[in-house]
C-alpha atoms as a PDB file:
ATOM      1  CA  MET A   1      62.191-171.508 -37.982  1.00  0.00           C
ATOM      2  CA  PHE A   2      60.218-174.499 -36.157  1.00  0.00           C
ATOM      3  CA  HIS A   3      62.908-177.316 -37.385  1.00  0.00           C
ATOM      4  CA  SER A   4      65.486-175.568 -35.653  1.00  0.00           C
ATOM      5  CA  GLU A   5      64.096-174.886 -32.641  1.00  0.00           C
ATOM      6  CA  GLY A   6      62.591-178.765 -32.601  1.00  0.00           C
ATOM      7  CA  LYS A   7      59.052-177.635 -32.870  1.00  0.00           C
ATOM      8  CA  SER A   8      57.914-178.734 -35.977  1.00  0.00           C
ATOM      9  CA  TYR A   9      56.006-181.928 -34.276  1.00  0.00           C
ATOM     10  CA  GLN A  10      54.304-179.469 -32.092  1.00  0.00           C
ATOM     11  CA  PHE A  11      53.327-176.941 -34.490  1.00  0.00           C
ATOM     12  CA  ALA A  12      51.827-179.494 -36.972  1.00  0.00           C
ATOM     13  CA  GLU A  13      49.636-180.785 -33.682  1.00  0.00           C
ATOM     14  CA  GLU A  14      48.378-177.166 -33.390  1.00  0.00           C
ATOM     15  CA  LEU A  15      47.759-176.777 -36.651  1.00  0.00           C
ATOM     16  CA  LYS A  16      45.893-180.432 -37.323  1.00  0.00           C
ATOM     17  CA  PRO A  17      42.259-179.415 -36.000  1.00  0.00           C
ATOM     18  CA  TYR A  18      42.567-176.257 -38.314  1.00  0.00           C
ATOM     19  CA  ILE A  19      43.682-178.202 -41.483  1.00  0.00           C
ATOM     20  CA  LEU A  20      40.993-181.127 -40.527  1.00  0.00           C
ATOM     21  CA  SER A  21      38.104-178.021 -40.177  1.00  0.00           C
ATOM     22  CA  GLY A  22      39.316-177.106 -43.579  1.00  0.00           C
ATOM     23  CA  VAL A  23      40.381-173.022 -43.052  1.00  0.00           C
ATOM     24  CA  PHE A  24      43.558-174.124 -45.467  1.00  0.00           C
ATOM     25  CA  ALA A  25      41.200-175.688 -48.166  1.00  0.00           C
ATOM     26  CA  GLU A  26      40.680-172.011 -49.802  1.00  0.00           C
ATOM     27  CA  ARG A  27      44.175-170.358 -49.041  1.00  0.00           C
ATOM     28  CA  PRO A  28      46.817-171.358 -50.891  1.00  0.00           C
ATOM     29  CA  ILE A  29      50.038-172.052 -48.709  1.00  0.00           C
ATOM     30  CA  ASN A  30      53.536-171.266 -49.431  1.00  0.00           C
ATOM     31  CA  GLU A  31      55.294-174.396 -50.460  1.00  0.00           C
ATOM     32  CA  SER A  32      58.142-174.696 -48.404  1.00  0.00           C
ATOM     33  CA  VAL A  33      56.030-174.214 -45.128  1.00  0.00           C
ATOM     34  CA  LEU A  34      53.278-177.026 -46.315  1.00  0.00           C
ATOM     35  CA  ASP A  35      56.109-179.425 -46.607  1.00  0.00           C
ATOM     36  CA  GLU A  36      58.490-178.819 -44.008  1.00  0.00           C
ATOM     37  CA  GLN A  37      56.424-177.330 -41.537  1.00  0.00           C
ATOM     38  CA  VAL A  38      52.901-179.734 -41.906  1.00  0.00           C
ATOM     39  CA  LEU A  39      53.088-182.573 -44.258  1.00  0.00           C
ATOM     40  CA  THR A  40      56.569-183.795 -43.960  1.00  0.00           C
ATOM     41  CA  GLN A  41      55.420-184.312 -39.982  1.00  0.00           C
ATOM     42  CA  PHE A  42      52.148-186.222 -40.790  1.00  0.00           C
ATOM     43  CA  GLN A  43      54.059-188.393 -43.666  1.00  0.00           C
ATOM     44  CA  LYS A  44      56.459-189.312 -41.080  1.00  0.00           C
ATOM     45  CA  ARG A  45      54.061-190.378 -38.286  1.00  0.00           C
ATOM     46  CA  TYR A  46      52.062-192.307 -41.368  1.00  0.00           C
ATOM     47  CA  THR A  47      55.228-194.137 -42.372  1.00  0.00           C
ATOM     48  CA  ASP A  48      56.516-195.113 -39.041  1.00  0.00           C
ATOM     49  CA  SER A  49      52.829-196.783 -38.588  1.00  0.00           C
ATOM     50  CA  TYR A  50      52.838-198.274 -41.704  1.00  0.00           C
ATOM     51  CA  GLN A  51      56.040-199.750 -40.737  1.00  0.00           C
ATOM     52  CA  LEU A  52      54.473-201.354 -37.860  1.00  0.00           C
ATOM     53  CA  THR A  53      51.648-202.729 -39.718  1.00  0.00           C
ATOM     54  CA  VAL A  54      54.122-204.289 -42.206  1.00  0.00           C
ATOM     55  CA  GLN A  55      55.916-206.028 -39.568  1.00  0.00           C
ATOM     56  CA  GLY A  56      53.050-207.015 -37.917  1.00  0.00           C
ATOM     57  CA  VAL A  57      51.692-206.438 -34.630  1.00  0.00           C
ATOM     58  CA  ARG A  58      50.985-209.183 -31.886  1.00  0.00           C
ATOM     59  CA  GLY A  59      47.349-209.167 -30.778  1.00  0.00           C
ATOM     60  CA  SER A  60      46.356-206.399 -32.615  1.00  0.00           C
ATOM     61  CA  THR A  61      42.915-206.804 -34.699  1.00  0.00           C
ATOM     62  CA  VAL A  62      43.473-203.300 -36.287  1.00  0.00           C
ATOM     63  CA  PRO A  63      46.354-202.281 -38.016  1.00  0.00           C
ATOM     64  CA  PRO A  64      47.922-199.449 -36.595  1.00  0.00           C
ATOM     65  CA  ALA A  65      48.408-197.533 -39.928  1.00  0.00           C
ATOM     66  CA  LEU A  66      45.235-197.712 -40.756  1.00  0.00           C
ATOM     67  CA  SER A  67      43.787-194.618 -38.533  1.00  0.00           C
ATOM     68  CA  GLN A  68      47.120-192.815 -39.545  1.00  0.00           C
ATOM     69  CA  SER A  69      46.497-193.111 -43.407  1.00  0.00           C
ATOM     70  CA  GLU A  70      42.993-192.011 -43.115  1.00  0.00           C
ATOM     71  CA  ASN A  71      44.293-189.091 -41.153  1.00  0.00           C
ATOM     72  CA  PHE A  72      47.073-188.559 -43.418  1.00  0.00           C
ATOM     73  CA  GLU A  73      44.679-188.249 -46.373  1.00  0.00           C
ATOM     74  CA  LYS A  74      42.150-186.244 -44.551  1.00  0.00           C
ATOM     75  CA  ILE A  75      45.007-183.450 -43.751  1.00  0.00           C
ATOM     76  CA  LEU A  76      46.041-184.068 -47.878  1.00  0.00           C
ATOM     77  CA  MET A  77      42.514-183.235 -49.048  1.00  0.00           C
ATOM     78  CA  ASN A  78      42.410-180.011 -46.755  1.00  0.00           C
ATOM     79  CA  PHE A  79      44.974-178.113 -48.398  1.00  0.00           C
ATOM     80  CA  ARG A  80      45.313-176.395 -52.127  1.00  0.00           C
ATOM     81  CA  PHE A  81      48.019-177.329 -54.077  1.00  0.00           C
ATOM     82  CA  ASP A  82      47.661-175.087 -57.453  1.00  0.00           C
ATOM     83  CA  SER A  83      50.262-172.728 -55.757  1.00  0.00           C
ATOM     84  CA  CYS A  84      53.110-175.432 -55.288  1.00  0.00           C
ATOM     85  CA  SER A  85      55.162-176.438 -57.839  1.00  0.00           C
ATOM     86  CA  GLN A  86      54.325-179.649 -60.275  1.00  0.00           C
ATOM     87  CA  ASP A  87      57.595-181.145 -59.073  1.00  0.00           C
ATOM     88  CA  TYR A  88      56.348-181.009 -55.339  1.00  0.00           C
ATOM     89  CA  ARG A  89      53.044-182.469 -56.395  1.00  0.00           C
ATOM     90  CA  ASP A  90      54.349-185.282 -58.055  1.00  0.00           C
ATOM     91  CA  LYS A  91      56.544-185.947 -55.215  1.00  0.00           C
ATOM     92  CA  ILE A  92      53.070-186.049 -53.214  1.00  0.00           C
ATOM     93  CA  ILE A  93      51.268-188.539 -55.549  1.00  0.00           C
ATOM     94  CA  ALA A  94      54.267-190.819 -55.529  1.00  0.00           C
ATOM     95  CA  TYR A  95      54.137-190.581 -52.164  1.00  0.00           C
ATOM     96  CA  CYS A  96      50.389-191.725 -52.176  1.00  0.00           C
ATOM     97  CA  LYS A  97      51.164-194.525 -54.828  1.00  0.00           C
ATOM     98  CA  GLU A  98      54.197-196.044 -52.869  1.00  0.00           C
ATOM     99  CA  HIS A  99      51.783-196.040 -49.523  1.00  0.00           C
ATOM    100  CA  GLN A 100      48.617-197.226 -51.304  1.00  0.00           C
ATOM    101  CA  LEU A 101      46.742-194.180 -50.342  1.00  0.00           C
ATOM    102  CA  SER A 102      44.131-194.145 -52.927  1.00  0.00           C
ATOM    103  CA  SER A 103      41.822-191.029 -51.863  1.00  0.00           C
ATOM    104  CA  GLY A 104      44.921-189.254 -51.704  1.00  0.00           C
ATOM    105  CA  LEU A 105      46.055-190.216 -55.082  1.00  0.00           C
ATOM    106  CA  ILE A 106      42.999-189.244 -56.379  1.00  0.00           C
ATOM    107  CA  TYR A 107      42.735-185.870 -54.790  1.00  0.00           C
ATOM    108  CA  MET A 108      46.303-185.145 -56.262  1.00  0.00           C
ATOM    109  CA  CYS A 109      45.085-186.184 -59.486  1.00  0.00           C
ATOM    110  CA  LEU A 110      42.332-184.307 -60.148  1.00  0.00           C
END
C-alpha cells in the first residue's frame, strides 16, 4: 500500500518513535507489514551507511554506520517475532550475521 504510493520511507519514519518506545513490543504485527513497510526501510538505511563505512569516509572519526546499526538493533528488539514464520526469522538472523549485529543476533536467537 505505502510502497506503491512511494510513502514507505515516511511511514517507517513516522512509526520510529513508537517502535523505539516499545509500543509494538507486546503486540504481534503482521509479517508482511513488518517486512515490507518497516524493517526493509531501516535495513536499507543501515546497509547504505554500512557500505559507506566499508569504503571509508575521509576525515571521519566515527564510522557513519555506528548510529545506524545501534538504531536498527534497537528497532529490531522492540518487535515481537513469535507470530512471524521461521523463514522470516531466519532471514533476519542471516542479515544480523552478515552485518555483525551481535545484539540483534542474540535477540533473534533467544
